[in-house]
């Protein structure tokens, strides 16, 4: 099911096809997924060439992260936190449950409309109809909290500093105060308040101190990855 929906989404979204960038995000994502996954899924991580801030997961191990979100991250731990959170949606079967709600709709297009800004016209909205509200966006706050908790565990096991999770949340909340429109897509599908940041920090503080020693916060390879991403032509405008 996930593979079929992913094919539809890949036809609709502008994906970055640079081999080095694709390799890096898949190596980083796999370092988390291989720890989280007990089903031996064939994971795929994609960078969406969009300035909008977003990330989402499709059942079966298909993870998408927008260029706009990576550009706002300062460290590899912050991007890894986002990937770990989305991996959590798959392993906890949140995305499957949301997909099931959308049965009978054009799920691929529905998902694209719900998770991005590509369907802004009245005609597109009419074509999608009520199905957009049943897509696998808009996870509940309980789903988001469960995925945050899983991401903390995954990152520690992968040797990555989990403080990247609340740090990334704080970056987005701070930007929302000055440029709320730039983050509409993210906040539409990812409920986020100060309490969620506090919960992530509390989980990390409750971990044994020795488990947090020597974890990776950033690497030269990540900064090279960001520089290569920044050197690409600007993202196409949202349709």
Protein backbone atom coordinates (compact mmCIF):
# COMPACT_ATOMS: atom_id res chain seq x y z
CA UNK A 1 0.00 0.00 0.00
CA UNK A 2 2.72 2.43 0.97
CA UNK A 3 4.75 1.72 -2.17
CA UNK A 4 1.77 2.48 -4.38
CA UNK A 5 0.98 5.73 -2.59
CA UNK A 6 4.63 6.74 -2.62
CA UNK A 7 4.75 6.33 -6.40
CA UNK A 8 1.80 8.71 -6.73
CA UNK A 9 3.39 11.23 -4.38
CA UNK A 10 6.72 11.03 -6.23
CA UNK A 11 4.95 11.99 -9.45
CA UNK A 12 3.36 15.02 -7.82
CA UNK A 13 6.16 16.43 -5.68
CA UNK A 14 9.42 17.97 -6.92
CA UNK A 15 12.04 15.66 -5.44
CA UNK A 16 15.74 16.48 -5.29
CA UNK A 17 17.60 13.98 -7.47
CA UNK A 18 21.20 14.95 -6.67
CA UNK A 19 22.91 11.61 -6.01
CA UNK A 20 25.15 12.85 -3.18
CA UNK A 21 22.30 14.56 -1.33
CA UNK A 22 20.06 11.54 -1.78
CA UNK A 23 22.80 9.22 -0.51
CA UNK A 24 23.44 11.34 2.58
CA UNK A 25 19.79 11.59 3.68
CA UNK A 26 19.31 7.84 3.15
CA UNK A 27 22.44 6.92 5.13
CA UNK A 28 21.32 9.19 7.96
CA UNK A 29 17.77 7.91 7.86
CA UNK A 30 18.85 4.27 7.69
CA UNK A 31 21.06 4.72 10.76
CA UNK A 32 17.87 5.40 12.70
CA UNK A 33 15.44 3.12 10.86
CA UNK A 34 17.54 -0.03 11.19
CA UNK A 35 17.35 0.38 14.97
CA UNK A 36 13.64 1.19 15.03
CA UNK A 37 12.37 -1.38 12.54
CA UNK A 38 11.72 -5.00 13.52
CA UNK A 39 9.99 -5.82 10.21
CA UNK A 40 12.98 -5.33 7.88
CA UNK A 41 11.23 -2.72 5.79
CA UNK A 42 12.98 -1.30 2.73
CA UNK A 43 13.22 2.32 3.88
CA UNK A 44 13.39 5.23 1.45
CA UNK A 45 14.18 8.83 2.42
CA UNK A 46 13.44 11.66 0.00
CA UNK A 47 14.19 15.39 0.02
CA UNK A 48 11.32 17.44 -1.38
CA UNK A 49 12.53 20.50 -3.27
CA UNK A 50 10.20 22.90 -1.49
CA UNK A 51 10.87 25.98 0.61
CA UNK A 52 7.89 25.03 2.78
CA UNK A 53 8.75 23.52 6.15
CA UNK A 54 7.45 19.97 6.40
CA UNK A 55 8.19 16.28 6.76
CA UNK A 56 5.87 13.29 6.54
CA UNK A 57 5.81 9.50 6.46
CA UNK A 58 4.00 7.00 4.24
CA UNK A 59 3.34 3.44 5.48
CA UNK A 60 5.98 0.92 4.51
CA UNK A 61 9.00 3.10 5.25
CA UNK A 62 8.76 6.06 2.85
CA UNK A 63 9.91 9.28 4.55
CA UNK A 64 9.86 12.76 3.00
CA UNK A 65 11.58 15.86 4.38
CA UNK A 66 11.35 19.27 2.76
CA UNK A 67 14.39 21.27 1.77
CA UNK A 68 12.98 24.23 3.72
CA UNK A 69 13.14 22.25 6.94
CA UNK A 70 16.71 21.08 6.38
CA UNK A 71 17.79 24.63 5.59
CA UNK A 72 16.54 25.80 8.98
CA UNK A 73 18.39 23.08 10.89
CA UNK A 74 21.77 23.96 12.34
CA UNK A 75 23.06 20.48 13.23
CA UNK A 76 22.74 16.89 12.07
CA UNK A 77 21.06 16.03 15.39
CA UNK A 78 18.20 18.39 14.56
CA UNK A 79 17.55 16.79 11.16
CA UNK A 80 17.97 13.32 12.64
CA UNK A 81 15.33 14.20 15.22
CA UNK A 82 12.84 14.98 12.46
CA UNK A 83 13.65 11.74 10.64
CA UNK A 84 13.39 9.77 13.88
CA UNK A 85 9.99 11.29 14.58
CA UNK A 86 8.71 10.33 11.12
CA UNK A 87 10.17 6.83 11.47
CA UNK A 88 8.19 6.62 14.70
CA UNK A 89 4.95 7.36 12.84
CA UNK A 90 5.65 4.32 10.64
CA UNK A 91 6.77 1.92 13.38
CA UNK A 92 3.85 2.93 15.62
CA UNK A 93 1.48 2.46 12.64
CA UNK A 94 0.07 5.98 12.90
CA UNK A 95 0.41 6.52 9.15
CA UNK A 96 -1.36 3.21 8.40
CA UNK A 97 -4.35 4.22 10.50
CA UNK A 98 -4.55 7.59 8.79
CA UNK A 99 -4.26 5.96 5.36
CA UNK A 100 -7.13 3.65 6.21
CA UNK A 101 -9.31 6.68 6.87
CA UNK A 102 -8.66 7.81 3.31
CA UNK A 103 -9.71 4.55 1.61
CA UNK A 104 -11.90 5.25 -1.40
CA UNK A 105 -10.33 8.67 -2.04
CA UNK A 106 -7.54 9.53 -4.44
CA UNK A 107 -5.09 9.04 -1.60
CA UNK A 108 -1.91 9.98 -3.42
CA UNK A 109 -3.24 13.36 -4.50
CA UNK A 110 -5.07 13.80 -1.21
CA UNK A 111 -1.84 13.28 0.68
CA UNK A 112 0.05 15.75 -1.47
CA UNK A 113 -2.64 18.38 -0.95
CA UNK A 114 -2.81 17.82 2.77
CA UNK A 115 0.94 17.77 3.34
CA UNK A 116 2.06 20.52 0.97
CA UNK A 117 0.72 23.71 -0.60
CA UNK A 118 0.40 22.38 -4.16
CA UNK A 119 -3.42 22.34 -4.21
CA UNK A 120 -4.44 25.90 -3.54
CA UNK A 121 -6.95 26.48 -6.34
CA UNK A 122 -10.72 26.12 -5.94
CA UNK A 123 -10.71 23.56 -8.75
CA UNK A 124 -8.14 21.37 -7.02
CA UNK A 125 -9.98 21.65 -3.75
CA UNK A 126 -13.24 20.62 -5.39
CA UNK A 127 -11.57 17.63 -7.03
CA UNK A 128 -10.22 16.40 -3.74
CA UNK A 129 -13.42 17.05 -1.83
CA UNK A 130 -13.79 15.88 1.73
CA UNK A 131 -11.14 13.19 1.29
CA UNK A 132 -8.36 15.66 2.06
CA UNK A 133 -9.52 15.85 5.64
CA UNK A 134 -9.06 12.09 6.00
CA UNK A 135 -5.53 11.92 4.64
CA UNK A 136 -2.64 10.80 6.75
CA UNK A 137 -1.70 14.32 7.75
CA UNK A 138 -2.97 15.88 10.94
CA UNK A 139 -1.81 13.26 13.40
CA UNK A 140 -3.34 13.55 16.84
CA UNK A 141 -1.39 15.07 19.69
CA UNK A 142 -1.14 11.58 21.19
CA UNK A 143 0.39 10.28 17.94
CA UNK A 144 2.85 13.15 17.90
CA UNK A 145 3.79 12.55 21.53
CA UNK A 146 4.33 8.83 20.91
CA UNK A 147 6.54 9.54 17.90
CA UNK A 148 8.56 12.08 19.89
CA UNK A 149 9.14 9.46 22.59
CA UNK A 150 10.19 6.86 20.03
CA UNK A 151 12.52 9.34 18.32
CA UNK A 152 14.39 9.99 21.58
CA UNK A 153 14.99 6.26 22.03
CA UNK A 154 16.02 5.75 18.41
CA UNK A 155 18.51 8.61 18.43
CA UNK A 156 20.25 7.51 21.61
CA UNK A 157 20.53 3.98 20.24
CA UNK A 158 21.93 5.37 16.97
CA UNK A 159 24.54 7.43 18.83
CA UNK A 160 22.96 10.80 17.99
CA UNK A 161 22.24 13.51 20.57
CA UNK A 162 18.44 13.57 21.16
CA UNK A 163 18.52 17.22 22.24
CA UNK A 164 18.27 17.90 18.51
CA UNK A 165 14.55 17.11 18.80
CA UNK A 166 13.50 19.95 21.14
CA UNK A 167 16.07 22.24 19.51
CA UNK A 168 14.41 21.83 16.12
CA UNK A 169 10.99 22.39 17.65
CA UNK A 170 12.25 25.60 19.27
CA UNK A 171 13.68 26.88 15.99
CA UNK A 172 10.28 26.43 14.35
CA UNK A 173 8.30 27.97 17.20
CA UNK A 174 10.61 30.98 17.27
CA UNK A 175 10.24 31.52 13.54
CA UNK A 176 6.46 31.20 13.76
CA UNK A 177 6.43 34.30 15.98
CA UNK A 178 7.95 36.42 13.19
CA UNK A 179 6.93 34.62 9.96
CA UNK A 180 3.88 32.46 10.68
CA UNK A 181 2.91 32.00 7.02
CA UNK A 182 6.23 30.33 6.23
CA UNK A 183 5.39 27.48 8.59
CA UNK A 184 1.70 26.92 7.82
CA UNK A 185 2.31 23.51 6.26
CA UNK A 186 4.28 22.20 9.23
CA UNK A 187 1.91 23.39 11.94
CA UNK A 188 -1.12 22.16 10.00
CA UNK A 189 0.14 18.57 10.17
CA UNK A 190 2.33 18.70 13.32
CA UNK A 191 0.65 20.15 16.44
CA UNK A 192 3.41 21.90 18.35
CA UNK A 193 3.38 23.91 21.55
CA UNK A 194 5.89 24.79 24.25
CA UNK A 195 4.58 21.86 26.28
CA UNK A 196 5.76 19.45 23.60
CA UNK A 197 9.26 20.89 23.80
CA UNK A 198 9.17 20.56 27.58
CA UNK A 199 8.03 16.93 27.29
CA UNK A 200 10.92 16.08 24.96
CA UNK A 201 13.41 17.73 27.29
CA UNK A 202 11.95 15.88 30.28
CA UNK A 203 12.31 12.53 28.51
CA UNK A 204 15.95 13.27 27.76
CA UNK A 205 16.62 14.43 31.33
CA UNK A 206 15.18 11.15 32.63
CA UNK A 207 17.71 9.07 30.69
CA UNK A 208 20.77 7.65 32.47
CA UNK A 209 23.50 10.32 32.20
CA UNK A 210 26.01 7.79 30.86
CA UNK A 211 23.75 7.02 27.92
CA UNK A 212 24.09 10.62 26.72
CA UNK A 213 27.87 10.77 26.76
CA UNK A 214 29.74 11.00 23.47
CA UNK A 215 26.63 11.31 21.28
CA UNK A 216 26.94 13.10 17.94
CA UNK A 217 25.55 16.62 17.70
CA UNK A 218 27.03 17.68 14.39
CA UNK A 219 29.53 16.59 11.76
CA UNK A 220 31.53 18.18 8.92
CA UNK A 221 29.70 15.84 6.54
CA UNK A 222 26.37 17.34 7.54
CA UNK A 223 27.62 20.87 7.01
CA UNK A 224 28.94 19.83 3.58
CA UNK A 225 25.52 18.32 2.85
CA UNK A 226 23.83 21.60 3.78
CA UNK A 227 26.25 23.59 1.64
CA UNK A 228 25.61 21.35 -1.37
CA UNK A 229 21.87 21.71 -0.84
CA UNK A 230 22.18 25.50 -0.63
CA UNK A 231 24.14 25.53 -3.91
CA UNK A 232 21.22 24.06 -5.86
CA UNK A 233 18.92 26.35 -7.84
CA UNK A 234 16.10 27.84 -5.76
CA UNK A 235 13.13 25.60 -5.02
CA UNK A 236 10.26 25.93 -7.49
CA UNK A 237 7.38 28.10 -6.24
CA UNK A 238 4.48 26.30 -4.62
CA UNK A 239 1.77 25.59 -7.11
